[in-house]
């Protein structure tokens, strides 16, 4: 795929005010956490099992195979926060977008005993601890969604420098996932997030997202999502197809997230990514309060503080 190019104008504030930009960015980050917490309940279930147990799953009740508390998030959100911390640390230390700081942040995250850690992420972290390498060789087994799920902070931090989106996204991805499909999806979703944050209005944002999705499919036909193949596993192709199918067909936040998580399988990650895109489109003020109020307070506070700091980094404030 081509590297991320400026959308409309190199000035990310040309089409919206700072308040609008913050609302959209916060909507994306909180939307990711909402989708994560909602989807975790039905992770690894089939759509039929979900229908049998819940009818339509739409309540943030916790539980699931991880036995979470209502509103508790998983590695999708906590790895994103770890990556965001590394980006901010790099700014403070004069080491912008330093991959070593990102790897160290993932180590701290892992040593903090997160509720879940995917096998590919764990393998990459263990490799870094063993030999200090910031990427392993390309691996057929690295085509999971672990790099894609956590890349939101990179998209926020590079908003004022869109030419940095692709290289920084791929650098953080290769710490754990070195696969062309993972790379392509991670960059494409970052480009979509830039479009959603910077477009003057939802119609232009959605048009840009569809164009980016078409470009992704054009370069990598495996990502074709129409007609929807109906798989929602942790394989990055299945994840992207599920998220694009529901978000682009039903950009309403609740409809997109509920439709996505009810596909089951890797529902915390697909839900997180659908929530990220739909949340950027609608903004934080439009997020459903019954879900937002259920999120753990510490998670909401960490996301709000990090969103503000990443936008300040991106805009040179």
C-alpha atoms as a PDB file:
ATOM      1  CA  UNK A   1       0.000   0.000   0.000  1.00  0.00           C
ATOM      2  CA  UNK A   2       1.162   3.572  -0.524  1.00  0.00           C
ATOM      3  CA  UNK A   3       2.240   5.444   2.555  1.00  0.00           C
ATOM      4  CA  UNK A   4      -0.266   7.685   4.291  1.00  0.00           C
ATOM      5  CA  UNK A   5      -0.733  10.949   2.407  1.00  0.00           C
ATOM      6  CA  UNK A   6      -2.208  14.207   3.718  1.00  0.00           C
ATOM      7  CA  UNK A   7      -5.981  14.331   3.460  1.00  0.00           C
ATOM      8  CA  UNK A   8      -7.443  17.590   2.133  1.00  0.00           C
ATOM      9  CA  UNK A   9      -4.808  19.733   3.860  1.00  0.00           C
ATOM     10  CA  UNK A  10      -1.563  19.184   5.792  1.00  0.00           C
ATOM     11  CA  UNK A  11      -3.105  21.215   8.600  1.00  0.00           C
ATOM     12  CA  UNK A  12      -5.296  18.833  10.637  1.00  0.00           C
ATOM     13  CA  UNK A  13      -7.214  21.787  12.059  1.00  0.00           C
ATOM     14  CA  UNK A  14      -8.172  23.163   8.655  1.00  0.00           C
ATOM     15  CA  UNK A  15     -11.485  21.348   8.625  1.00  0.00           C
ATOM     16  CA  UNK A  16     -12.438  21.314  12.321  1.00  0.00           C
ATOM     17  CA  UNK A  17     -11.799  23.174  15.550  1.00  0.00           C
ATOM     18  CA  UNK A  18      -9.556  21.904  18.314  1.00  0.00           C
ATOM     19  CA  UNK A  19     -12.637  21.104  20.382  1.00  0.00           C
ATOM     20  CA  UNK A  20     -14.104  19.045  17.538  1.00  0.00           C
ATOM     21  CA  UNK A  21     -10.800  17.286  17.012  1.00  0.00           C
ATOM     22  CA  UNK A  22     -10.510  16.373  20.687  1.00  0.00           C
ATOM     23  CA  UNK A  23     -14.124  15.132  20.755  1.00  0.00           C
ATOM     24  CA  UNK A  24     -13.511  12.887  17.751  1.00  0.00           C
ATOM     25  CA  UNK A  25     -10.177  11.594  19.045  1.00  0.00           C
ATOM     26  CA  UNK A  26     -11.619  10.906  22.484  1.00  0.00           C
ATOM     27  CA  UNK A  27     -14.623   9.260  20.834  1.00  0.00           C
ATOM     28  CA  UNK A  28     -12.267   6.938  18.977  1.00  0.00           C
ATOM     29  CA  UNK A  29     -10.296   5.965  22.082  1.00  0.00           C
ATOM     30  CA  UNK A  30     -13.317   5.545  24.357  1.00  0.00           C
ATOM     31  CA  UNK A  31     -15.107   3.765  21.522  1.00  0.00           C
ATOM     32  CA  UNK A  32     -12.239   1.290  21.337  1.00  0.00           C
ATOM     33  CA  UNK A  33     -12.544   0.598  25.070  1.00  0.00           C
ATOM     34  CA  UNK A  34     -16.332   0.255  24.883  1.00  0.00           C
ATOM     35  CA  UNK A  35     -16.132  -2.231  22.029  1.00  0.00           C
ATOM     36  CA  UNK A  36     -13.413  -4.137  23.867  1.00  0.00           C
ATOM     37  CA  UNK A  37     -15.387  -4.408  27.120  1.00  0.00           C
ATOM     38  CA  UNK A  38     -18.641  -5.274  25.352  1.00  0.00           C
ATOM     39  CA  UNK A  39     -17.093  -7.838  23.038  1.00  0.00           C
ATOM     40  CA  UNK A  40     -15.032  -9.599  25.702  1.00  0.00           C
ATOM     41  CA  UNK A  41     -18.199 -11.166  27.114  1.00  0.00           C
ATOM     42  CA  UNK A  42     -18.776 -13.166  23.928  1.00  0.00           C
ATOM     43  CA  UNK A  43     -15.178 -13.748  22.825  1.00  0.00           C
ATOM     44  CA  UNK A  44     -14.708 -17.238  21.364  1.00  0.00           C
ATOM     45  CA  UNK A  45     -18.455 -17.836  21.163  1.00  0.00           C
ATOM     46  CA  UNK A  46     -20.167 -18.528  17.852  1.00  0.00           C
ATOM     47  CA  UNK A  47     -23.029 -16.319  16.629  1.00  0.00           C
ATOM     48  CA  UNK A  48     -25.408 -19.188  17.275  1.00  0.00           C
ATOM     49  CA  UNK A  49     -24.194 -19.576  20.849  1.00  0.00           C
ATOM     50  CA  UNK A  50     -24.576 -15.841  21.398  1.00  0.00           C
ATOM     51  CA  UNK A  51     -28.146 -15.876  20.101  1.00  0.00           C
ATOM     52  CA  UNK A  52     -28.990 -18.855  22.315  1.00  0.00           C
ATOM     53  CA  UNK A  53     -27.569 -17.250  25.478  1.00  0.00           C
ATOM     54  CA  UNK A  54     -28.259 -13.525  24.958  1.00  0.00           C
ATOM     55  CA  UNK A  55     -30.548 -13.095  21.966  1.00  0.00           C
ATOM     56  CA  UNK A  56     -28.675  -9.988  20.849  1.00  0.00           C
ATOM     57  CA  UNK A  57     -25.719  -9.190  23.093  1.00  0.00           C
ATOM     58  CA  UNK A  58     -25.832  -5.455  23.859  1.00  0.00           C
ATOM     59  CA  UNK A  59     -25.240  -5.085  27.609  1.00  0.00           C
ATOM     60  CA  UNK A  60     -21.842  -4.506  29.217  1.00  0.00           C
ATOM     61  CA  UNK A  61     -22.048  -7.268  31.801  1.00  0.00           C
ATOM     62  CA  UNK A  62     -18.488  -8.595  31.971  1.00  0.00           C
ATOM     63  CA  UNK A  63     -17.970 -12.308  32.410  1.00  0.00           C
ATOM     64  CA  UNK A  64     -16.872 -14.297  29.401  1.00  0.00           C
ATOM     65  CA  UNK A  65     -13.966 -16.715  29.422  1.00  0.00           C
ATOM     66  CA  UNK A  66     -11.799 -14.117  31.197  1.00  0.00           C
ATOM     67  CA  UNK A  67     -14.430 -13.606  33.929  1.00  0.00           C
ATOM     68  CA  UNK A  68     -14.173  -9.849  33.696  1.00  0.00           C
ATOM     69  CA  UNK A  69     -15.975  -7.293  35.799  1.00  0.00           C
ATOM     70  CA  UNK A  70     -18.589  -5.211  33.968  1.00  0.00           C
ATOM     71  CA  UNK A  71     -16.736  -2.450  32.126  1.00  0.00           C
ATOM     72  CA  UNK A  72     -13.333  -4.100  32.414  1.00  0.00           C
ATOM     73  CA  UNK A  73     -11.190  -3.993  29.274  1.00  0.00           C
ATOM     74  CA  UNK A  74      -8.675  -6.456  27.838  1.00  0.00           C
ATOM     75  CA  UNK A  75      -5.335  -6.297  26.064  1.00  0.00           C
ATOM     76  CA  UNK A  76      -6.783  -4.315  23.139  1.00  0.00           C
ATOM     77  CA  UNK A  77      -7.139  -1.240  25.339  1.00  0.00           C
ATOM     78  CA  UNK A  78      -4.295  -1.793  27.785  1.00  0.00           C
ATOM     79  CA  UNK A  79      -1.698  -2.434  25.052  1.00  0.00           C
ATOM     80  CA  UNK A  80      -2.897   0.722  23.304  1.00  0.00           C
ATOM     81  CA  UNK A  81      -2.364   2.697  26.498  1.00  0.00           C
ATOM     82  CA  UNK A  82       1.103   1.162  26.874  1.00  0.00           C
ATOM     83  CA  UNK A  83       2.008   2.188  23.324  1.00  0.00           C
ATOM     84  CA  UNK A  84       0.660   5.677  23.913  1.00  0.00           C
ATOM     85  CA  UNK A  85       2.791   6.010  27.035  1.00  0.00           C
ATOM     86  CA  UNK A  86       5.872   5.085  24.987  1.00  0.00           C
ATOM     87  CA  UNK A  87       5.083   7.736  22.376  1.00  0.00           C
ATOM     88  CA  UNK A  88       4.723  10.395  25.062  1.00  0.00           C
ATOM     89  CA  UNK A  89       7.895   9.230  26.793  1.00  0.00           C
ATOM     90  CA  UNK A  90       9.731   9.557  23.489  1.00  0.00           C
ATOM     91  CA  UNK A  91       8.575  13.150  23.159  1.00  0.00           C
ATOM     92  CA  UNK A  92       9.704  13.969  26.698  1.00  0.00           C
ATOM     93  CA  UNK A  93      13.136  12.381  26.208  1.00  0.00           C
ATOM     94  CA  UNK A  94      13.799  13.805  22.756  1.00  0.00           C
ATOM     95  CA  UNK A  95      13.446  10.349  21.211  1.00  0.00           C
ATOM     96  CA  UNK A  96      10.342  10.742  19.022  1.00  0.00           C
ATOM     97  CA  UNK A  97       8.759   7.523  17.771  1.00  0.00           C
ATOM     98  CA  UNK A  98      11.569   5.446  19.309  1.00  0.00           C
ATOM     99  CA  UNK A  99      10.844   1.750  18.733  1.00  0.00           C
ATOM    100  CA  UNK A 100      12.968   0.718  21.697  1.00  0.00           C
ATOM    101  CA  UNK A 101      10.742   2.700  24.033  1.00  0.00           C
ATOM    102  CA  UNK A 102       7.709   0.974  22.518  1.00  0.00           C
ATOM    103  CA  UNK A 103       9.233  -2.458  23.116  1.00  0.00           C
ATOM    104  CA  UNK A 104      10.079  -1.547  26.701  1.00  0.00           C
ATOM    105  CA  UNK A 105       6.509  -0.342  27.233  1.00  0.00           C
ATOM    106  CA  UNK A 106       5.195  -3.696  26.014  1.00  0.00           C
ATOM    107  CA  UNK A 107       7.532  -5.456  28.439  1.00  0.00           C
ATOM    108  CA  UNK A 108       6.225  -3.372  31.355  1.00  0.00           C
ATOM    109  CA  UNK A 109       2.683  -4.083  30.224  1.00  0.00           C
ATOM    110  CA  UNK A 110       3.351  -7.833  30.081  1.00  0.00           C
ATOM    111  CA  UNK A 111       5.122  -7.880  33.437  1.00  0.00           C
ATOM    112  CA  UNK A 112       2.097  -6.115  34.910  1.00  0.00           C
ATOM    113  CA  UNK A 113       0.147  -9.357  34.402  1.00  0.00           C
ATOM    114  CA  UNK A 114      -2.575  -8.203  31.992  1.00  0.00           C
ATOM    115  CA  UNK A 115      -5.811 -10.151  31.937  1.00  0.00           C
ATOM    116  CA  UNK A 116      -4.890 -11.548  28.532  1.00  0.00           C
ATOM    117  CA  UNK A 117      -1.952 -11.620  26.128  1.00  0.00           C
ATOM    118  CA  UNK A 118      -2.106 -13.121  22.652  1.00  0.00           C
ATOM    119  CA  UNK A 119       0.423 -15.797  21.757  1.00  0.00           C
ATOM    120  CA  UNK A 120       2.063 -13.749  18.990  1.00  0.00           C
ATOM    121  CA  UNK A 121       2.401 -10.700  21.231  1.00  0.00           C
ATOM    122  CA  UNK A 122       3.899 -12.843  23.979  1.00  0.00           C
ATOM    123  CA  UNK A 123       6.356 -14.456  21.581  1.00  0.00           C
ATOM    124  CA  UNK A 124       7.518 -11.084  20.277  1.00  0.00           C
ATOM    125  CA  UNK A 125       7.972  -9.662  23.758  1.00  0.00           C
ATOM    126  CA  UNK A 126       9.924 -12.733  24.851  1.00  0.00           C
ATOM    127  CA  UNK A 127      12.150 -12.470  21.750  1.00  0.00           C
ATOM    128  CA  UNK A 128      12.911  -8.848  22.574  1.00  0.00           C
ATOM    129  CA  UNK A 129      13.793  -9.779  26.154  1.00  0.00           C
ATOM    130  CA  UNK A 130      16.031 -12.572  24.920  1.00  0.00           C
ATOM    131  CA  UNK A 131      18.035 -10.747  22.260  1.00  0.00           C
ATOM    132  CA  UNK A 132      16.970  -7.083  22.212  1.00  0.00           C
ATOM    133  CA  UNK A 133      15.778  -7.271  18.617  1.00  0.00           C
ATOM    134  CA  UNK A 134      12.996  -4.869  17.669  1.00  0.00           C
ATOM    135  CA  UNK A 135      11.577  -7.183  15.032  1.00  0.00           C
ATOM    136  CA  UNK A 136      11.744 -10.827  14.147  1.00  0.00           C
ATOM    137  CA  UNK A 137      11.920 -12.298  10.665  1.00  0.00           C
ATOM    138  CA  UNK A 138       8.701 -12.375   8.619  1.00  0.00           C
ATOM    139  CA  UNK A 139       6.504 -15.201   9.851  1.00  0.00           C
ATOM    140  CA  UNK A 140       3.421 -16.803   8.248  1.00  0.00           C
ATOM    141  CA  UNK A 141       2.006 -17.109  11.765  1.00  0.00           C
ATOM    142  CA  UNK A 142       2.261 -13.372  12.421  1.00  0.00           C
ATOM    143  CA  UNK A 143      -0.896 -12.545  10.456  1.00  0.00           C
ATOM    144  CA  UNK A 144      -2.980 -11.953  13.555  1.00  0.00           C
ATOM    145  CA  UNK A 145      -4.673  -8.709  14.606  1.00  0.00           C
ATOM    146  CA  UNK A 146      -2.485  -7.866  17.612  1.00  0.00           C
ATOM    147  CA  UNK A 147      -0.577  -5.027  15.943  1.00  0.00           C
ATOM    148  CA  UNK A 148      -3.713  -3.570  14.397  1.00  0.00           C
ATOM    149  CA  UNK A 149      -5.684  -3.566  17.634  1.00  0.00           C
ATOM    150  CA  UNK A 150      -3.235  -1.301  19.508  1.00  0.00           C
ATOM    151  CA  UNK A 151      -2.221   1.242  16.844  1.00  0.00           C
ATOM    152  CA  UNK A 152      -4.694   4.031  17.698  1.00  0.00           C
ATOM    153  CA  UNK A 153      -2.101   6.063  19.683  1.00  0.00           C
ATOM    154  CA  UNK A 154       0.211   6.112  16.662  1.00  0.00           C
ATOM    155  CA  UNK A 155      -2.599   7.492  14.514  1.00  0.00           C
ATOM    156  CA  UNK A 156      -3.228  10.241  17.054  1.00  0.00           C
ATOM    157  CA  UNK A 157       0.446  11.090  17.539  1.00  0.00           C
ATOM    158  CA  UNK A 158       1.085  11.375  13.777  1.00  0.00           C
ATOM    159  CA  UNK A 159      -1.989  13.443  12.979  1.00  0.00           C
ATOM    160  CA  UNK A 160       0.108  16.548  12.339  1.00  0.00           C
ATOM    161  CA  UNK A 161       2.762  14.515  10.477  1.00  0.00           C
ATOM    162  CA  UNK A 162       0.807  12.026   8.351  1.00  0.00           C
ATOM    163  CA  UNK A 163       3.944  10.989   6.485  1.00  0.00           C
ATOM    164  CA  UNK A 164       5.057   9.322   9.737  1.00  0.00           C
ATOM    165  CA  UNK A 165       1.935   7.182  10.114  1.00  0.00           C
ATOM    166  CA  UNK A 166       3.048   4.237   7.990  1.00  0.00           C
ATOM    167  CA  UNK A 167       6.648   3.866   9.206  1.00  0.00           C
ATOM    168  CA  UNK A 168       5.775   4.277  12.887  1.00  0.00           C
ATOM    169  CA  UNK A 169       2.784   1.933  12.612  1.00  0.00           C
ATOM    170  CA  UNK A 170       4.921  -0.735  10.972  1.00  0.00           C
ATOM    171  CA  UNK A 171       7.742  -0.282  13.476  1.00  0.00           C
ATOM    172  CA  UNK A 172       5.451  -0.881  16.444  1.00  0.00           C
ATOM    173  CA  UNK A 173       3.792  -3.769  14.601  1.00  0.00           C
ATOM    174  CA  UNK A 174       7.046  -5.576  13.896  1.00  0.00           C
ATOM    175  CA  UNK A 175       7.945  -5.793  17.559  1.00  0.00           C
ATOM    176  CA  UNK A 176       5.458  -8.668  17.682  1.00  0.00           C
ATOM    177  CA  UNK A 177       3.905  -9.134  14.211  1.00  0.00           C
ATOM    178  CA  UNK A 178       5.942  -9.238  11.000  1.00  0.00           C
ATOM    179  CA  UNK A 179       3.519 -10.026   8.189  1.00  0.00           C
ATOM    180  CA  UNK A 180       2.495  -8.046   5.081  1.00  0.00           C
ATOM    181  CA  UNK A 181      -1.227  -8.382   5.761  1.00  0.00           C
ATOM    182  CA  UNK A 182      -0.803  -7.179   9.341  1.00  0.00           C
ATOM    183  CA  UNK A 183       1.263  -4.233   8.085  1.00  0.00           C
ATOM    184  CA  UNK A 184      -1.276  -3.295   5.418  1.00  0.00           C
ATOM    185  CA  UNK A 185      -4.262  -3.464   7.760  1.00  0.00           C
ATOM    186  CA  UNK A 186      -2.515  -1.512  10.511  1.00  0.00           C
ATOM    187  CA  UNK A 187      -1.604   1.320   8.148  1.00  0.00           C
ATOM    188  CA  UNK A 188      -5.005   1.364   6.437  1.00  0.00           C
ATOM    189  CA  UNK A 189      -6.929   1.655   9.699  1.00  0.00           C
ATOM    190  CA  UNK A 190      -4.576   4.428  10.767  1.00  0.00           C
ATOM    191  CA  UNK A 191      -5.343   6.241   7.532  1.00  0.00           C
ATOM    192  CA  UNK A 192      -9.062   5.785   8.166  1.00  0.00           C
ATOM    193  CA  UNK A 193      -8.713   7.239  11.621  1.00  0.00           C
ATOM    194  CA  UNK A 194      -6.868  10.258  10.207  1.00  0.00           C
ATOM    195  CA  UNK A 195      -9.670  10.728   7.687  1.00  0.00           C
ATOM    196  CA  UNK A 196     -12.366  10.474  10.356  1.00  0.00           C
ATOM    197  CA  UNK A 197     -10.613  12.971  12.606  1.00  0.00           C
ATOM    198  CA  UNK A 198      -9.828  15.525   9.920  1.00  0.00           C
ATOM    199  CA  UNK A 199     -12.825  15.477   7.576  1.00  0.00           C
ATOM    200  CA  UNK A 200     -15.188  18.461   7.736  1.00  0.00           C
ATOM    201  CA  UNK A 201     -18.288  16.283   8.182  1.00  0.00           C
ATOM    202  CA  UNK A 202     -19.361  12.597   8.386  1.00  0.00           C
ATOM    203  CA  UNK A 203     -20.215  12.178   4.672  1.00  0.00           C
ATOM    204  CA  UNK A 204     -16.700  13.186   3.626  1.00  0.00           C
ATOM    205  CA  UNK A 205     -15.190  11.039   6.396  1.00  0.00           C
ATOM    206  CA  UNK A 206     -17.103   7.948   5.309  1.00  0.00           C
ATOM    207  CA  UNK A 207     -16.256   8.545   1.660  1.00  0.00           C
ATOM    208  CA  UNK A 208     -12.571   8.725   2.564  1.00  0.00           C
ATOM    209  CA  UNK A 209     -12.827   5.521   4.631  1.00  0.00           C
ATOM    210  CA  UNK A 210     -14.465   3.680   1.755  1.00  0.00           C
ATOM    211  CA  UNK A 211     -11.740   4.874  -0.607  1.00  0.00           C
ATOM    212  CA  UNK A 212      -9.046   3.640   1.791  1.00  0.00           C
ATOM    213  CA  UNK A 213     -10.838   0.300   2.173  1.00  0.00           C
ATOM    214  CA  UNK A 214     -11.087  -0.031  -1.617  1.00  0.00           C
ATOM    215  CA  UNK A 215      -7.380   0.716  -1.918  1.00  0.00           C
ATOM    216  CA  UNK A 216      -6.580  -1.928   0.703  1.00  0.00           C
ATOM    217  CA  UNK A 217      -8.662  -4.521  -1.145  1.00  0.00           C
ATOM    218  CA  UNK A 218      -7.142  -3.456  -4.459  1.00  0.00           C
ATOM    219  CA  UNK A 219      -3.628  -4.114  -3.189  1.00  0.00           C
ATOM    220  CA  UNK A 220      -4.560  -7.163  -1.102  1.00  0.00           C
ATOM    221  CA  UNK A 221      -7.713  -8.858  -2.482  1.00  0.00           C
ATOM    222  CA  UNK A 222      -7.849 -11.198   0.530  1.00  0.00           C
ATOM    223  CA  UNK A 223      -9.376  -8.288   2.473  1.00  0.00           C
ATOM    224  CA  UNK A 224     -12.463  -8.169   0.243  1.00  0.00           C
ATOM    225  CA  UNK A 225     -15.388  -7.705   2.619  1.00  0.00           C
ATOM    226  CA  UNK A 226     -18.338  -7.578   0.215  1.00  0.00           C
ATOM    227  CA  UNK A 227     -20.097  -9.964   0.335  1.00  0.00           C
ATOM    228  CA  UNK A 228     -19.174 -10.515   3.971  1.00  0.00           C
ATOM    229  CA  UNK A 229     -17.524 -13.948   4.396  1.00  0.00           C
ATOM    230  CA  UNK A 230     -18.857 -14.272   7.942  1.00  0.00           C
ATOM    231  CA  UNK A 231     -15.654 -15.034   9.851  1.00  0.00           C
ATOM    232  CA  UNK A 232     -14.482 -12.956  12.833  1.00  0.00           C
ATOM    233  CA  UNK A 233     -11.374 -14.760  14.059  1.00  0.00           C
ATOM    234  CA  UNK A 234      -8.102 -13.230  15.203  1.00  0.00           C
ATOM    235  CA  UNK A 235      -6.659 -13.629  11.705  1.00  0.00           C
ATOM    236  CA  UNK A 236      -6.200 -10.047  10.548  1.00  0.00           C
ATOM    237  CA  UNK A 237      -8.113 -10.648   7.300  1.00  0.00           C
ATOM    238  CA  UNK A 238     -11.182 -11.938   9.148  1.00  0.00           C
ATOM    239  CA  UNK A 239     -10.953  -9.056  11.626  1.00  0.00           C
ATOM    240  CA  UNK A 240     -10.743  -6.390   8.925  1.00  0.00           C
ATOM    241  CA  UNK A 241     -13.590  -7.901   6.917  1.00  0.00           C
ATOM    242  CA  UNK A 242     -15.853  -8.009   9.962  1.00  0.00           C
ATOM    243  CA  UNK A 243     -15.104  -4.462  11.073  1.00  0.00           C
ATOM    244  CA  UNK A 244     -15.419  -2.911   7.608  1.00  0.00           C
ATOM    245  CA  UNK A 245     -18.635  -4.810   6.902  1.00  0.00           C
ATOM    246  CA  UNK A 246     -20.369  -3.515  10.007  1.00  0.00           C
ATOM    247  CA  UNK A 247     -18.863  -0.030  10.216  1.00  0.00           C
ATOM    248  CA  UNK A 248     -19.303   0.963   6.582  1.00  0.00           C
ATOM    249  CA  UNK A 249     -22.788  -0.574   6.370  1.00  0.00           C
ATOM    250  CA  UNK A 250     -24.011   0.845   9.690  1.00  0.00           C
ATOM    251  CA  UNK A 251     -21.830   3.783  10.788  1.00  0.00           C
ATOM    252  CA  UNK A 252     -24.164   4.482  13.737  1.00  0.00           C
ATOM    253  CA  UNK A 253     -22.008   3.745  16.775  1.00  0.00           C
ATOM    254  CA  UNK A 254     -24.323   1.377  18.602  1.00  0.00           C
ATOM    255  CA  UNK A 255     -25.422  -0.508  15.501  1.00  0.00           C
ATOM    256  CA  UNK A 256     -21.850  -0.951  14.284  1.00  0.00           C
ATOM    257  CA  UNK A 257     -20.509  -2.193  17.614  1.00  0.00           C
ATOM    258  CA  UNK A 258     -23.452  -4.455  18.444  1.00  0.00           C
ATOM    259  CA  UNK A 259     -23.429  -5.963  14.952  1.00  0.00           C
ATOM    260  CA  UNK A 260     -19.697  -6.585  15.173  1.00  0.00           C
ATOM    261  CA  UNK A 261     -19.511  -8.213  18.603  1.00  0.00           C
ATOM    262  CA  UNK A 262     -22.456 -10.487  17.826  1.00  0.00           C
ATOM    263  CA  UNK A 263     -20.304 -12.147  15.183  1.00  0.00           C
ATOM    264  CA  UNK A 264     -18.456 -13.654  18.159  1.00  0.00           C
ATOM    265  CA  UNK A 265     -15.027 -15.274  17.840  1.00  0.00           C
ATOM    266  CA  UNK A 266     -12.406 -12.522  18.502  1.00  0.00           C
ATOM    267  CA  UNK A 267     -15.191 -10.186  19.559  1.00  0.00           C
ATOM    268  CA  UNK A 268     -13.185  -8.004  21.927  1.00  0.00           C
ATOM    269  CA  UNK A 269     -10.790  -6.964  19.156  1.00  0.00           C
ATOM    270  CA  UNK A 270     -13.350  -6.641  16.367  1.00  0.00           C
ATOM    271  CA  UNK A 271     -15.588  -4.715  18.760  1.00  0.00           C
ATOM    272  CA  UNK A 272     -12.712  -2.460  19.789  1.00  0.00           C
ATOM    273  CA  UNK A 273     -11.830  -1.599  16.187  1.00  0.00           C
ATOM    274  CA  UNK A 274     -15.440  -1.015  15.164  1.00  0.00           C
ATOM    275  CA  UNK A 275     -15.859   1.181  18.242  1.00  0.00           C
ATOM    276  CA  UNK A 276     -12.703   3.101  17.373  1.00  0.00           C
ATOM    277  CA  UNK A 277     -13.883   3.975  13.855  1.00  0.00           C
ATOM    278  CA  UNK A 278     -17.508   4.622  14.789  1.00  0.00           C
ATOM    279  CA  UNK A 279     -16.458   6.607  17.848  1.00  0.00           C
ATOM    280  CA  UNK A 280     -14.239   8.861  15.747  1.00  0.00           C
ATOM    281  CA  UNK A 281     -17.178   9.458  13.435  1.00  0.00           C
ATOM    282  CA  UNK A 282     -19.710  10.373  16.131  1.00  0.00           C
ATOM    283  CA  UNK A 283     -17.411  11.900  18.771  1.00  0.00           C
ATOM    284  CA  UNK A 284     -17.221  11.286  22.508  1.00  0.00           C
ATOM    285  CA  UNK A 285     -20.280  13.369  23.336  1.00  0.00           C
ATOM    286  CA  UNK A 286     -22.479  11.069  21.259  1.00  0.00           C
ATOM    287  CA  UNK A 287     -21.303   7.779  22.786  1.00  0.00           C
ATOM    288  CA  UNK A 288     -24.055   5.785  24.552  1.00  0.00           C
ATOM    289  CA  UNK A 289     -23.983   6.820  28.185  1.00  0.00           C
ATOM    290  CA  UNK A 290     -25.110   3.424  29.457  1.00  0.00           C
ATOM    291  CA  UNK A 291     -21.876   1.942  28.095  1.00  0.00           C
ATOM    292  CA  UNK A 292     -19.610   4.873  28.833  1.00  0.00           C
ATOM    293  CA  UNK A 293     -20.767   4.938  32.437  1.00  0.00           C
ATOM    294  CA  UNK A 294     -19.975   1.235  32.794  1.00  0.00           C
ATOM    295  CA  UNK A 295     -16.336   1.559  31.761  1.00  0.00           C
ATOM    296  CA  UNK A 296     -13.939   1.385  34.673  1.00  0.00           C
ATOM    297  CA  UNK A 297     -13.258   4.905  35.905  1.00  0.00           C
ATOM    298  CA  UNK A 298      -9.494   4.383  35.826  1.00  0.00           C
ATOM    299  CA  UNK A 299      -9.702   3.374  32.164  1.00  0.00           C
ATOM    300  CA  UNK A 300     -11.791   6.403  31.238  1.00  0.00           C
ATOM    301  CA  UNK A 301      -9.386   8.737  33.029  1.00  0.00           C
ATOM    302  CA  UNK A 302      -6.269   7.173  31.477  1.00  0.00           C
ATOM    303  CA  UNK A 303      -7.794   7.398  27.995  1.00  0.00           C
ATOM    304  CA  UNK A 304      -8.890  10.994  28.433  1.00  0.00           C
ATOM    305  CA  UNK A 305      -5.499  12.115  29.722  1.00  0.00           C
ATOM    306  CA  UNK A 306      -3.587  10.232  27.044  1.00  0.00           C
ATOM    307  CA  UNK A 307      -5.799  11.491  24.223  1.00  0.00           C
ATOM    308  CA  UNK A 308      -5.174  15.083  25.282  1.00  0.00           C
ATOM    309  CA  UNK A 309      -1.428  14.520  25.545  1.00  0.00           C
ATOM    310  CA  UNK A 310      -1.156  12.721  22.185  1.00  0.00           C
ATOM    311  CA  UNK A 311      -3.029  15.478  20.395  1.00  0.00           C
ATOM    312  CA  UNK A 312      -0.746  18.045  22.006  1.00  0.00           C
ATOM    313  CA  UNK A 313       2.223  16.028  20.729  1.00  0.00           C
ATOM    314  CA  UNK A 314       0.704  15.801  17.247  1.00  0.00           C
ATOM    315  CA  UNK A 315      -0.107  19.504  16.981  1.00  0.00           C
ATOM    316  CA  UNK A 316       3.035  20.783  18.625  1.00  0.00           C
ATOM    317  CA  UNK A 317       1.077  22.402  21.443  1.00  0.00           C
END
